[in-house]
Amino acid sequence: MKKAVRYFILALTTVTAVSCSQKKQEVSSCCSTKQHESPEPLPAISGKSLFLLDSRWETYRNDTLEFEDLSGKPVIAAMIFTNCPSACPRIVADMKNIEVGLTAAEREQVRFLLISMDPKRDNPEQMRKFASDHRLDPDWIMIRSDRMATLEMANVLGVRINPLEDGGFDHSNTIHILNATGEIAYQQHGLAIEPAEILSQIRRLINQK
């Protein structure tokens, strides 16, 4: 029961923050401290971290992933579906432009993540085909889960998803930047946006590590 309440509060807090502004949103960790031991422990996870979600996800390589597995690096993420005819390919193209804008060293310090909003059709085989068709780097991660976990993720990220009669979705076009402890640090709303600002935000997070 305590865990359910915690997730409910997490979702309300995040959605409220997203709905109030389409500008960048920075969330500072209350407990982050420098450690000089080796190996360096990860910063503390706050109550606004997506890593608190206990849902399990299937990757396009048939592996199982929990969101906490992504901790330690900033994450560049978006919710898409592979049968999307227009907006989702544009979102992926925008993410690839971000990837190209990073140096090789910077790319080593971030993760790229695609989250399916269509778990029924986006099985691992379909996701692999999508990755191949869009020539995604093998280090990119594509995941799906069950319907409830998908809706929970959309709610926490502030992504609007409306099913259509043809099986597709009307949805928000947003690229999310999570910091190394899973908090939403920045959101880019819209398509075909010049990546200068989002690159600046990513570099700021990389330099905070």
N, C-alpha and C. Protein backbone atom coordinates (compact mmCIF):
# COMPACT_ATOMS: atom_id res chain seq x y z
N MET A 1 0.83 -1.20 0.00
CA MET A 1 0.00 0.00 0.00
C MET A 1 0.87 1.27 0.00
N LYS A 2 1.94 1.29 0.81
CA LYS A 2 2.82 2.45 0.84
C LYS A 2 3.45 2.68 -0.51
N LYS A 3 3.81 1.58 -1.19
CA LYS A 3 4.45 1.72 -2.50
C LYS A 3 3.47 2.31 -3.51
N ALA A 4 2.22 1.87 -3.45
CA ALA A 4 1.21 2.38 -4.38
C ALA A 4 0.98 3.87 -4.16
N VAL A 5 0.91 4.28 -2.89
CA VAL A 5 0.73 5.70 -2.58
C VAL A 5 1.91 6.51 -3.09
N ARG A 6 3.08 5.96 -2.92
CA ARG A 6 4.28 6.68 -3.37
C ARG A 6 4.24 6.90 -4.86
N TYR A 7 3.85 5.88 -5.63
CA TYR A 7 3.79 6.03 -7.09
C TYR A 7 2.71 7.01 -7.50
N PHE A 8 1.57 7.01 -6.75
CA PHE A 8 0.50 7.94 -7.07
C PHE A 8 0.96 9.37 -6.88
N ILE A 9 1.66 9.62 -5.78
CA ILE A 9 2.20 10.95 -5.52
C ILE A 9 3.23 11.33 -6.56
N LEU A 10 4.08 10.36 -6.93
CA LEU A 10 5.10 10.60 -7.96
C LEU A 10 4.45 11.02 -9.26
N ALA A 11 3.41 10.30 -9.68
CA ALA A 11 2.76 10.60 -10.95
C ALA A 11 2.12 11.98 -10.92
N LEU A 12 1.39 12.30 -9.81
CA LEU A 12 0.74 13.60 -9.72
C LEU A 12 1.75 14.73 -9.74
N THR A 13 2.85 14.56 -9.02
CA THR A 13 3.87 15.60 -8.94
C THR A 13 4.47 15.88 -10.30
N THR A 14 4.79 14.81 -11.05
CA THR A 14 5.46 14.97 -12.33
C THR A 14 4.53 15.54 -13.37
N VAL A 15 3.29 15.02 -13.45
CA VAL A 15 2.35 15.50 -14.44
C VAL A 15 2.03 16.96 -14.22
N THR A 16 1.87 17.37 -12.95
CA THR A 16 1.60 18.77 -12.64
C THR A 16 2.73 19.66 -13.13
N ALA A 17 3.96 19.22 -12.90
CA ALA A 17 5.11 20.01 -13.32
C ALA A 17 5.16 20.13 -14.83
N VAL A 18 4.84 19.05 -15.55
CA VAL A 18 4.90 19.06 -17.00
C VAL A 18 3.82 19.95 -17.58
N SER A 19 2.60 19.88 -17.02
CA SER A 19 1.48 20.59 -17.59
C SER A 19 1.59 22.10 -17.39
N CYS A 20 2.32 22.56 -16.42
CA CYS A 20 2.40 23.98 -16.11
C CYS A 20 3.29 24.73 -17.07
N SER A 21 4.24 24.06 -17.72
CA SER A 21 5.19 24.78 -18.55
C SER A 21 5.75 23.88 -19.61
N GLN A 22 6.00 24.42 -20.80
CA GLN A 22 6.66 23.69 -21.85
C GLN A 22 8.11 24.12 -21.97
N LYS A 23 8.59 24.86 -20.98
CA LYS A 23 9.99 25.23 -20.94
C LYS A 23 10.77 24.16 -20.21
N LYS A 24 12.08 24.33 -20.14
CA LYS A 24 12.89 23.31 -19.49
C LYS A 24 12.52 23.20 -18.03
N GLN A 25 12.65 21.99 -17.49
CA GLN A 25 12.35 21.73 -16.10
C GLN A 25 13.56 21.07 -15.47
N GLU A 26 14.11 21.71 -14.47
CA GLU A 26 15.28 21.20 -13.80
C GLU A 26 14.90 20.78 -12.40
N VAL A 27 15.29 19.57 -12.02
CA VAL A 27 14.98 19.07 -10.69
C VAL A 27 16.31 18.74 -10.02
N SER A 28 16.60 19.37 -8.92
CA SER A 28 17.87 19.14 -8.24
C SER A 28 17.70 18.05 -7.21
N SER A 29 18.73 17.24 -7.07
CA SER A 29 18.69 16.18 -6.09
C SER A 29 18.96 16.73 -4.70
N CYS A 30 18.17 16.29 -3.73
CA CYS A 30 18.34 16.81 -2.37
C CYS A 30 19.52 16.17 -1.66
N CYS A 31 20.01 15.08 -2.20
CA CYS A 31 20.96 14.28 -1.44
C CYS A 31 22.28 14.03 -2.17
N SER A 32 22.54 14.71 -3.27
CA SER A 32 23.72 14.42 -4.06
C SER A 32 24.97 14.92 -3.36
N THR A 33 25.94 14.05 -3.19
CA THR A 33 27.21 14.43 -2.56
C THR A 33 28.36 13.81 -3.33
N LYS A 34 29.49 14.45 -3.31
CA LYS A 34 30.70 13.92 -3.94
C LYS A 34 31.33 12.86 -3.05
N GLN A 35 31.73 11.77 -3.64
CA GLN A 35 32.40 10.72 -2.91
C GLN A 35 33.75 10.48 -3.58
N HIS A 36 34.75 10.19 -2.80
CA HIS A 36 36.09 10.01 -3.35
C HIS A 36 36.57 8.58 -3.19
N GLU A 37 35.65 7.69 -2.86
CA GLU A 37 36.01 6.30 -2.76
C GLU A 37 35.92 5.66 -4.13
N SER A 38 36.51 4.53 -4.31
CA SER A 38 36.45 3.81 -5.58
C SER A 38 35.91 2.41 -5.32
N PRO A 39 34.84 1.98 -6.04
CA PRO A 39 34.12 2.78 -7.04
C PRO A 39 33.21 3.80 -6.39
N GLU A 40 32.92 4.88 -7.11
CA GLU A 40 32.08 5.95 -6.59
C GLU A 40 30.62 5.51 -6.55
N PRO A 41 29.94 5.61 -5.41
CA PRO A 41 28.53 5.20 -5.36
C PRO A 41 27.66 6.17 -6.15
N LEU A 42 26.53 5.68 -6.65
CA LEU A 42 25.61 6.51 -7.40
C LEU A 42 24.92 7.49 -6.47
N PRO A 43 24.53 8.68 -6.98
CA PRO A 43 23.80 9.64 -6.14
C PRO A 43 22.49 9.05 -5.65
N ALA A 44 21.99 9.58 -4.55
CA ALA A 44 20.74 9.08 -3.99
C ALA A 44 19.58 9.34 -4.93
N ILE A 45 18.62 8.43 -4.96
CA ILE A 45 17.43 8.56 -5.79
C ILE A 45 16.37 9.31 -5.00
N SER A 46 15.83 10.39 -5.59
CA SER A 46 14.83 11.20 -4.90
C SER A 46 13.43 10.65 -5.15
N GLY A 47 12.45 11.23 -4.48
CA GLY A 47 11.07 10.80 -4.64
C GLY A 47 10.48 11.12 -5.99
N LYS A 48 11.17 11.89 -6.82
CA LYS A 48 10.69 12.23 -8.16
C LYS A 48 11.35 11.39 -9.24
N SER A 49 12.08 10.37 -8.86
CA SER A 49 12.80 9.55 -9.83
C SER A 49 11.91 8.50 -10.47
N LEU A 50 12.03 8.34 -11.78
CA LEU A 50 11.32 7.27 -12.48
C LEU A 50 11.85 5.90 -12.08
N PHE A 51 13.03 5.86 -11.48
CA PHE A 51 13.62 4.59 -11.08
C PHE A 51 12.86 3.95 -9.93
N LEU A 52 11.95 4.68 -9.30
CA LEU A 52 11.13 4.10 -8.25
C LEU A 52 10.01 3.22 -8.80
N LEU A 53 9.70 3.36 -10.08
CA LEU A 53 8.66 2.52 -10.68
C LEU A 53 9.13 1.07 -10.69
N ASP A 54 8.26 0.13 -10.28
CA ASP A 54 8.68 -1.26 -10.18
C ASP A 54 8.22 -2.11 -11.37
N SER A 55 7.77 -1.47 -12.46
CA SER A 55 7.36 -2.22 -13.64
C SER A 55 8.57 -2.84 -14.34
N ARG A 56 8.31 -3.92 -15.04
CA ARG A 56 9.36 -4.62 -15.78
C ARG A 56 9.10 -4.45 -17.27
N TRP A 57 10.16 -4.34 -18.03
CA TRP A 57 10.06 -4.04 -19.46
C TRP A 57 10.84 -5.07 -20.27
N GLU A 58 10.36 -5.34 -21.46
CA GLU A 58 11.02 -6.27 -22.38
C GLU A 58 11.74 -5.46 -23.45
N THR A 59 13.01 -5.78 -23.70
CA THR A 59 13.77 -5.04 -24.70
C THR A 59 13.63 -5.70 -26.06
N TYR A 60 14.09 -4.99 -27.08
CA TYR A 60 14.02 -5.56 -28.43
C TYR A 60 15.00 -6.70 -28.63
N ARG A 61 15.82 -6.95 -27.62
CA ARG A 61 16.72 -8.11 -27.66
C ARG A 61 16.21 -9.26 -26.77
N ASN A 62 14.94 -9.17 -26.39
CA ASN A 62 14.29 -10.19 -25.55
C ASN A 62 14.86 -10.26 -24.14
N ASP A 63 15.51 -9.20 -23.71
CA ASP A 63 15.98 -9.12 -22.33
C ASP A 63 14.91 -8.46 -21.47
N THR A 64 15.07 -8.57 -20.16
CA THR A 64 14.17 -7.90 -19.22
C THR A 64 14.90 -6.71 -18.60
N LEU A 65 14.20 -5.60 -18.47
CA LEU A 65 14.79 -4.38 -17.96
C LEU A 65 13.87 -3.75 -16.93
N GLU A 66 14.44 -3.25 -15.85
CA GLU A 66 13.74 -2.39 -14.91
C GLU A 66 14.34 -1.00 -15.06
N PHE A 67 13.56 0.04 -14.81
CA PHE A 67 14.04 1.39 -15.08
C PHE A 67 15.27 1.73 -14.26
N GLU A 68 15.39 1.15 -13.09
CA GLU A 68 16.56 1.43 -12.27
C GLU A 68 17.85 0.93 -12.93
N ASP A 69 17.73 -0.02 -13.87
CA ASP A 69 18.90 -0.50 -14.61
C ASP A 69 19.55 0.61 -15.43
N LEU A 70 18.81 1.69 -15.70
CA LEU A 70 19.32 2.78 -16.52
C LEU A 70 20.05 3.84 -15.71
N SER A 71 20.16 3.65 -14.41
CA SER A 71 20.77 4.66 -13.55
C SER A 71 22.25 4.83 -13.85
N GLY A 72 22.77 5.99 -13.52
CA GLY A 72 24.20 6.26 -13.67
C GLY A 72 24.55 7.14 -14.84
N LYS A 73 23.65 7.27 -15.84
CA LYS A 73 23.89 8.12 -17.00
C LYS A 73 22.61 8.88 -17.34
N PRO A 74 22.72 10.09 -17.88
CA PRO A 74 21.53 10.76 -18.41
C PRO A 74 20.88 9.91 -19.51
N VAL A 75 19.56 9.97 -19.59
CA VAL A 75 18.81 9.18 -20.57
C VAL A 75 18.04 10.13 -21.47
N ILE A 76 18.18 9.95 -22.77
CA ILE A 76 17.41 10.69 -23.77
C ILE A 76 16.32 9.75 -24.26
N ALA A 77 15.06 10.05 -23.94
CA ALA A 77 13.98 9.08 -24.12
C ALA A 77 12.79 9.70 -24.84
N ALA A 78 12.01 8.82 -25.49
CA ALA A 78 10.74 9.24 -26.10
C ALA A 78 9.82 8.05 -26.15
N MET A 79 8.52 8.33 -26.06
CA MET A 79 7.50 7.30 -26.26
C MET A 79 7.03 7.34 -27.71
N ILE A 80 7.06 6.18 -28.38
CA ILE A 80 6.68 6.07 -29.78
C ILE A 80 5.92 4.78 -29.99
N PHE A 81 5.44 4.52 -31.22
CA PHE A 81 5.01 3.18 -31.62
C PHE A 81 5.50 2.94 -33.04
N THR A 82 5.88 1.71 -33.32
CA THR A 82 6.61 1.43 -34.56
C THR A 82 5.75 1.52 -35.81
N ASN A 83 4.42 1.42 -35.68
CA ASN A 83 3.54 1.55 -36.83
C ASN A 83 3.11 2.99 -37.09
N CYS A 84 3.68 3.90 -36.39
CA CYS A 84 3.36 5.32 -36.54
C CYS A 84 3.84 5.79 -37.93
N PRO A 85 2.96 6.43 -38.71
CA PRO A 85 3.34 6.78 -40.08
C PRO A 85 4.15 8.06 -40.22
N SER A 86 4.10 8.96 -39.25
CA SER A 86 4.74 10.26 -39.48
C SER A 86 5.45 10.83 -38.25
N ALA A 87 4.73 11.05 -37.16
CA ALA A 87 5.31 11.76 -36.02
C ALA A 87 6.45 10.98 -35.38
N CYS A 88 6.25 9.69 -35.15
CA CYS A 88 7.29 8.90 -34.45
C CYS A 88 8.60 8.83 -35.24
N PRO A 89 8.57 8.57 -36.55
CA PRO A 89 9.83 8.64 -37.29
C PRO A 89 10.51 10.00 -37.18
N ARG A 90 9.72 11.08 -37.09
CA ARG A 90 10.30 12.40 -36.93
C ARG A 90 10.92 12.55 -35.55
N ILE A 91 10.27 12.01 -34.51
CA ILE A 91 10.85 12.04 -33.17
C ILE A 91 12.19 11.31 -33.16
N VAL A 92 12.22 10.13 -33.79
CA VAL A 92 13.46 9.36 -33.83
C VAL A 92 14.54 10.12 -34.61
N ALA A 93 14.14 10.77 -35.72
CA ALA A 93 15.10 11.57 -36.48
C ALA A 93 15.66 12.71 -35.64
N ASP A 94 14.80 13.33 -34.83
CA ASP A 94 15.27 14.39 -33.94
C ASP A 94 16.25 13.85 -32.90
N MET A 95 15.97 12.65 -32.39
CA MET A 95 16.89 12.05 -31.43
C MET A 95 18.22 11.70 -32.09
N LYS A 96 18.17 11.26 -33.34
CA LYS A 96 19.42 10.96 -34.06
C LYS A 96 20.21 12.24 -34.31
N ASN A 97 19.52 13.36 -34.55
CA ASN A 97 20.22 14.63 -34.69
C ASN A 97 20.91 15.02 -33.39
N ILE A 98 20.27 14.74 -32.27
CA ILE A 98 20.90 14.97 -30.97
C ILE A 98 22.14 14.10 -30.84
N GLU A 99 22.01 12.83 -31.21
CA GLU A 99 23.14 11.90 -31.14
C GLU A 99 24.30 12.40 -31.98
N VAL A 100 24.02 12.87 -33.20
CA VAL A 100 25.07 13.38 -34.09
C VAL A 100 25.72 14.63 -33.50
N GLY A 101 24.94 15.42 -32.77
CA GLY A 101 25.46 16.64 -32.18
C GLY A 101 26.38 16.43 -31.00
N LEU A 102 26.39 15.23 -30.45
CA LEU A 102 27.28 14.89 -29.33
C LEU A 102 28.61 14.37 -29.86
N THR A 103 29.66 14.62 -29.13
CA THR A 103 30.94 14.01 -29.48
C THR A 103 30.92 12.53 -29.14
N ALA A 104 31.89 11.79 -29.66
CA ALA A 104 31.97 10.36 -29.35
C ALA A 104 32.10 10.14 -27.85
N ALA A 105 32.88 10.96 -27.19
CA ALA A 105 33.06 10.83 -25.74
C ALA A 105 31.76 11.12 -25.00
N GLU A 106 31.01 12.12 -25.47
CA GLU A 106 29.74 12.45 -24.84
C GLU A 106 28.71 11.35 -25.04
N ARG A 107 28.70 10.74 -26.23
CA ARG A 107 27.74 9.65 -26.49
C ARG A 107 27.98 8.47 -25.57
N GLU A 108 29.21 8.27 -25.15
CA GLU A 108 29.52 7.19 -24.22
C GLU A 108 28.91 7.43 -22.84
N GLN A 109 28.55 8.67 -22.55
CA GLN A 109 28.08 9.03 -21.21
C GLN A 109 26.57 9.22 -21.13
N VAL A 110 25.84 8.86 -22.19
CA VAL A 110 24.38 8.98 -22.18
C VAL A 110 23.76 7.69 -22.73
N ARG A 111 22.45 7.55 -22.54
CA ARG A 111 21.71 6.44 -23.12
C ARG A 111 20.57 7.00 -23.96
N PHE A 112 20.25 6.29 -25.06
CA PHE A 112 19.11 6.62 -25.88
C PHE A 112 18.06 5.53 -25.71
N LEU A 113 16.82 5.94 -25.41
CA LEU A 113 15.77 5.01 -25.05
C LEU A 113 14.48 5.33 -25.80
N LEU A 114 13.88 4.30 -26.42
CA LEU A 114 12.57 4.40 -27.04
C LEU A 114 11.61 3.51 -26.28
N ILE A 115 10.48 4.08 -25.84
CA ILE A 115 9.49 3.37 -25.03
C ILE A 115 8.23 3.19 -25.87
N SER A 116 7.82 1.95 -26.09
CA SER A 116 6.64 1.71 -26.92
C SER A 116 5.36 2.06 -26.17
N MET A 117 4.46 2.76 -26.87
CA MET A 117 3.12 3.01 -26.35
C MET A 117 2.12 2.00 -26.93
N ASP A 118 2.63 1.03 -27.71
CA ASP A 118 1.79 0.04 -28.38
C ASP A 118 2.32 -1.37 -28.08
N PRO A 119 2.27 -1.79 -26.80
CA PRO A 119 2.90 -3.07 -26.44
C PRO A 119 2.28 -4.28 -27.13
N LYS A 120 1.03 -4.18 -27.55
CA LYS A 120 0.39 -5.33 -28.20
C LYS A 120 1.05 -5.67 -29.53
N ARG A 121 1.39 -4.65 -30.31
CA ARG A 121 1.99 -4.89 -31.63
C ARG A 121 3.50 -4.79 -31.64
N ASP A 122 4.06 -4.02 -30.72
CA ASP A 122 5.51 -3.80 -30.72
C ASP A 122 6.23 -4.90 -29.95
N ASN A 123 6.21 -6.10 -30.52
CA ASN A 123 6.97 -7.20 -29.92
C ASN A 123 8.45 -7.03 -30.27
N PRO A 124 9.34 -7.81 -29.65
CA PRO A 124 10.76 -7.62 -29.92
C PRO A 124 11.14 -7.71 -31.40
N GLU A 125 10.52 -8.62 -32.13
CA GLU A 125 10.83 -8.73 -33.56
C GLU A 125 10.48 -7.45 -34.31
N GLN A 126 9.30 -6.89 -34.01
CA GLN A 126 8.87 -5.65 -34.66
C GLN A 126 9.77 -4.48 -34.27
N MET A 127 10.17 -4.44 -33.00
CA MET A 127 11.06 -3.37 -32.57
C MET A 127 12.43 -3.48 -33.23
N ARG A 128 12.92 -4.72 -33.40
CA ARG A 128 14.21 -4.90 -34.09
C ARG A 128 14.11 -4.44 -35.53
N LYS A 129 13.01 -4.72 -36.18
CA LYS A 129 12.82 -4.26 -37.55
C LYS A 129 12.81 -2.74 -37.62
N PHE A 130 12.13 -2.11 -36.67
CA PHE A 130 12.09 -0.65 -36.62
C PHE A 130 13.50 -0.10 -36.43
N ALA A 131 14.26 -0.69 -35.53
CA ALA A 131 15.63 -0.23 -35.29
C ALA A 131 16.49 -0.36 -36.54
N SER A 132 16.31 -1.47 -37.26
CA SER A 132 17.06 -1.68 -38.49
C SER A 132 16.64 -0.70 -39.57
N ASP A 133 15.32 -0.52 -39.73
CA ASP A 133 14.81 0.40 -40.76
C ASP A 133 15.30 1.83 -40.54
N HIS A 134 15.44 2.22 -39.28
CA HIS A 134 15.85 3.59 -38.95
C HIS A 134 17.35 3.68 -38.63
N ARG A 135 18.05 2.58 -38.85
CA ARG A 135 19.51 2.55 -38.69
C ARG A 135 19.95 3.11 -37.34
N LEU A 136 19.31 2.59 -36.29
CA LEU A 136 19.66 3.02 -34.95
C LEU A 136 20.95 2.36 -34.50
N ASP A 137 21.74 3.11 -33.76
CA ASP A 137 22.97 2.55 -33.19
C ASP A 137 22.61 1.37 -32.29
N PRO A 138 23.42 0.30 -32.31
CA PRO A 138 23.12 -0.88 -31.47
C PRO A 138 23.02 -0.57 -29.98
N ASP A 139 23.59 0.55 -29.54
CA ASP A 139 23.53 0.90 -28.12
C ASP A 139 22.18 1.48 -27.72
N TRP A 140 21.34 1.85 -28.69
CA TRP A 140 20.02 2.35 -28.35
C TRP A 140 19.21 1.23 -27.70
N ILE A 141 18.29 1.61 -26.82
CA ILE A 141 17.45 0.65 -26.12
C ILE A 141 16.00 0.89 -26.53
N MET A 142 15.29 -0.20 -26.88
CA MET A 142 13.86 -0.12 -27.18
C MET A 142 13.14 -1.09 -26.26
N ILE A 143 12.04 -0.63 -25.64
CA ILE A 143 11.38 -1.46 -24.65
C ILE A 143 9.85 -1.39 -24.79
N ARG A 144 9.20 -2.42 -24.28
CA ARG A 144 7.74 -2.44 -24.14
C ARG A 144 7.39 -3.12 -22.82
N SER A 145 6.18 -2.89 -22.35
CA SER A 145 5.70 -3.56 -21.14
C SER A 145 4.21 -3.84 -21.34
N ASP A 146 3.50 -4.13 -20.26
CA ASP A 146 2.07 -4.35 -20.38
C ASP A 146 1.33 -3.01 -20.43
N ARG A 147 0.03 -3.07 -20.63
CA ARG A 147 -0.76 -1.87 -20.83
C ARG A 147 -0.71 -0.95 -19.61
N MET A 148 -0.83 -1.51 -18.41
CA MET A 148 -0.85 -0.69 -17.21
C MET A 148 0.49 0.02 -16.99
N ALA A 149 1.58 -0.69 -17.20
CA ALA A 149 2.90 -0.07 -17.04
C ALA A 149 3.11 1.02 -18.08
N THR A 150 2.60 0.79 -19.29
CA THR A 150 2.72 1.77 -20.36
C THR A 150 1.95 3.04 -20.02
N LEU A 151 0.72 2.88 -19.53
CA LEU A 151 -0.07 4.04 -19.15
C LEU A 151 0.54 4.78 -17.96
N GLU A 152 1.09 4.03 -17.02
CA GLU A 152 1.75 4.65 -15.87
C GLU A 152 2.95 5.48 -16.34
N MET A 153 3.73 4.93 -17.25
CA MET A 153 4.89 5.66 -17.76
C MET A 153 4.47 6.92 -18.49
N ALA A 154 3.43 6.81 -19.32
CA ALA A 154 2.93 7.99 -20.04
C ALA A 154 2.46 9.06 -19.05
N ASN A 155 1.79 8.62 -18.00
CA ASN A 155 1.29 9.56 -16.99
C ASN A 155 2.43 10.28 -16.29
N VAL A 156 3.44 9.53 -15.90
CA VAL A 156 4.58 10.12 -15.19
C VAL A 156 5.36 11.08 -16.09
N LEU A 157 5.49 10.73 -17.37
CA LEU A 157 6.22 11.59 -18.30
C LEU A 157 5.37 12.74 -18.83
N GLY A 158 4.06 12.69 -18.58
CA GLY A 158 3.20 13.73 -19.10
C GLY A 158 2.91 13.59 -20.58
N VAL A 159 2.94 12.36 -21.09
CA VAL A 159 2.68 12.10 -22.50
C VAL A 159 1.21 11.75 -22.69
N ARG A 160 0.53 12.50 -23.55
CA ARG A 160 -0.88 12.24 -23.85
C ARG A 160 -0.96 11.15 -24.93
N ILE A 161 -1.74 10.10 -24.67
CA ILE A 161 -1.92 9.00 -25.62
C ILE A 161 -3.41 8.75 -25.80
N ASN A 162 -3.92 8.94 -27.02
CA ASN A 162 -5.32 8.67 -27.32
C ASN A 162 -5.40 7.62 -28.43
N PRO A 163 -5.92 6.42 -28.13
CA PRO A 163 -6.05 5.38 -29.15
C PRO A 163 -7.00 5.83 -30.28
N LEU A 164 -6.68 5.43 -31.50
CA LEU A 164 -7.50 5.73 -32.66
C LEU A 164 -8.16 4.46 -33.18
N GLU A 165 -9.20 4.61 -33.98
CA GLU A 165 -9.94 3.45 -34.47
C GLU A 165 -9.09 2.55 -35.35
N ASP A 166 -8.10 3.10 -36.04
CA ASP A 166 -7.27 2.29 -36.94
C ASP A 166 -6.15 1.55 -36.22
N GLY A 167 -6.13 1.64 -34.88
CA GLY A 167 -5.09 0.97 -34.10
C GLY A 167 -3.91 1.85 -33.75
N GLY A 168 -3.87 3.04 -34.33
CA GLY A 168 -2.78 3.96 -34.03
C GLY A 168 -3.09 4.81 -32.81
N PHE A 169 -2.32 5.87 -32.63
CA PHE A 169 -2.47 6.73 -31.46
C PHE A 169 -2.26 8.19 -31.85
N ASP A 170 -3.07 9.04 -31.27
CA ASP A 170 -2.79 10.47 -31.25
C ASP A 170 -2.01 10.71 -29.97
N HIS A 171 -0.83 11.34 -30.07
CA HIS A 171 0.04 11.39 -28.89
C HIS A 171 0.89 12.65 -28.87
N SER A 172 1.42 12.96 -27.69
CA SER A 172 2.36 14.06 -27.53
C SER A 172 3.66 13.73 -28.25
N ASN A 173 4.30 14.79 -28.76
CA ASN A 173 5.60 14.63 -29.42
C ASN A 173 6.66 15.27 -28.53
N THR A 174 7.21 14.46 -27.64
CA THR A 174 8.11 14.99 -26.62
C THR A 174 9.35 14.12 -26.49
N ILE A 175 10.49 14.78 -26.39
CA ILE A 175 11.75 14.10 -26.05
C ILE A 175 12.09 14.48 -24.62
N HIS A 176 12.34 13.48 -23.80
CA HIS A 176 12.58 13.68 -22.37
C HIS A 176 14.06 13.44 -22.06
N ILE A 177 14.60 14.28 -21.21
CA ILE A 177 15.96 14.08 -20.71
C ILE A 177 15.86 13.78 -19.21
N LEU A 178 16.31 12.59 -18.83
CA LEU A 178 16.38 12.20 -17.43
C LEU A 178 17.81 12.36 -16.95
N ASN A 179 17.97 12.80 -15.71
CA ASN A 179 19.33 12.85 -15.17
C ASN A 179 19.77 11.45 -14.72
N ALA A 180 20.96 11.36 -14.18
CA ALA A 180 21.53 10.06 -13.85
C ALA A 180 20.78 9.32 -12.76
N THR A 181 19.92 10.04 -12.02
CA THR A 181 19.13 9.40 -10.98
C THR A 181 17.65 9.29 -11.36
N GLY A 182 17.34 9.48 -12.65
CA GLY A 182 16.00 9.19 -13.13
C GLY A 182 14.97 10.29 -12.99
N GLU A 183 15.40 11.51 -12.67
CA GLU A 183 14.47 12.64 -12.59
C GLU A 183 14.37 13.32 -13.95
N ILE A 184 13.20 13.86 -14.26
CA ILE A 184 13.03 14.62 -15.50
C ILE A 184 13.77 15.95 -15.36
N ALA A 185 14.79 16.13 -16.19
CA ALA A 185 15.60 17.35 -16.12
C ALA A 185 15.22 18.35 -17.20
N TYR A 186 14.67 17.86 -18.32
CA TYR A 186 14.33 18.75 -19.43
C TYR A 186 13.40 18.00 -20.37
N GLN A 187 12.49 18.74 -21.02
CA GLN A 187 11.60 18.15 -22.02
C GLN A 187 11.53 19.07 -23.23
N GLN A 188 11.68 18.47 -24.40
CA GLN A 188 11.56 19.21 -25.66
C GLN A 188 10.24 18.82 -26.31
N HIS A 189 9.35 19.79 -26.49
CA HIS A 189 8.03 19.54 -27.05
C HIS A 189 7.99 19.98 -28.51
N GLY A 190 7.49 19.12 -29.38
CA GLY A 190 7.38 19.47 -30.79
C GLY A 190 8.32 18.66 -31.65
N LEU A 191 8.24 18.92 -32.95
CA LEU A 191 9.01 18.16 -33.93
C LEU A 191 9.96 19.07 -34.70
N ALA A 192 11.04 18.48 -35.20
CA ALA A 192 12.01 19.19 -36.05
C ALA A 192 12.52 20.46 -35.40
N ILE A 193 12.88 20.35 -34.11
CA ILE A 193 13.38 21.50 -33.36
C ILE A 193 14.91 21.51 -33.39
N GLU A 194 15.47 22.67 -33.61
CA GLU A 194 16.92 22.83 -33.57
C GLU A 194 17.45 22.32 -32.23
N PRO A 195 18.45 21.42 -32.23
CA PRO A 195 18.84 20.73 -30.98
C PRO A 195 19.80 21.50 -30.08
N ALA A 196 20.10 22.75 -30.38
CA ALA A 196 21.12 23.45 -29.60
C ALA A 196 20.80 23.47 -28.11
N GLU A 197 19.55 23.79 -27.74
CA GLU A 197 19.20 23.89 -26.34
C GLU A 197 19.23 22.54 -25.65
N ILE A 198 18.70 21.51 -26.29
CA ILE A 198 18.68 20.20 -25.65
C ILE A 198 20.10 19.64 -25.52
N LEU A 199 20.96 19.94 -26.48
CA LEU A 199 22.35 19.53 -26.37
C LEU A 199 23.02 20.22 -25.18
N SER A 200 22.69 21.49 -25.00
CA SER A 200 23.24 22.23 -23.86
C SER A 200 22.81 21.60 -22.54
N GLN A 201 21.54 21.20 -22.46
CA GLN A 201 21.03 20.57 -21.25
C GLN A 201 21.70 19.22 -21.00
N ILE A 202 21.91 18.44 -22.04
CA ILE A 202 22.58 17.14 -21.90
C ILE A 202 24.00 17.33 -21.40
N ARG A 203 24.71 18.29 -21.97
CA ARG A 203 26.10 18.53 -21.57
C ARG A 203 26.16 19.01 -20.12
N ARG A 204 25.17 19.80 -19.72
CA ARG A 204 25.13 20.23 -18.32
C ARG A 204 25.03 19.03 -17.39
N LEU A 205 24.19 18.05 -17.75
CA LEU A 205 24.05 16.85 -16.93
C LEU A 205 25.31 16.01 -16.93
N ILE A 206 25.92 15.90 -18.10
CA ILE A 206 27.18 15.13 -18.19
C ILE A 206 28.24 15.75 -17.29
N ASN A 207 28.32 17.05 -17.28
CA ASN A 207 29.34 17.74 -16.48
C ASN A 207 29.05 17.69 -14.99
N GLN A 208 27.81 17.37 -14.62
CA GLN A 208 27.47 17.24 -13.20
C GLN A 208 27.92 15.92 -12.62
N LYS A 209 28.24 14.97 -13.46
CA LYS A 209 28.59 13.63 -12.97
C LYS A 209 29.91 13.65 -12.22
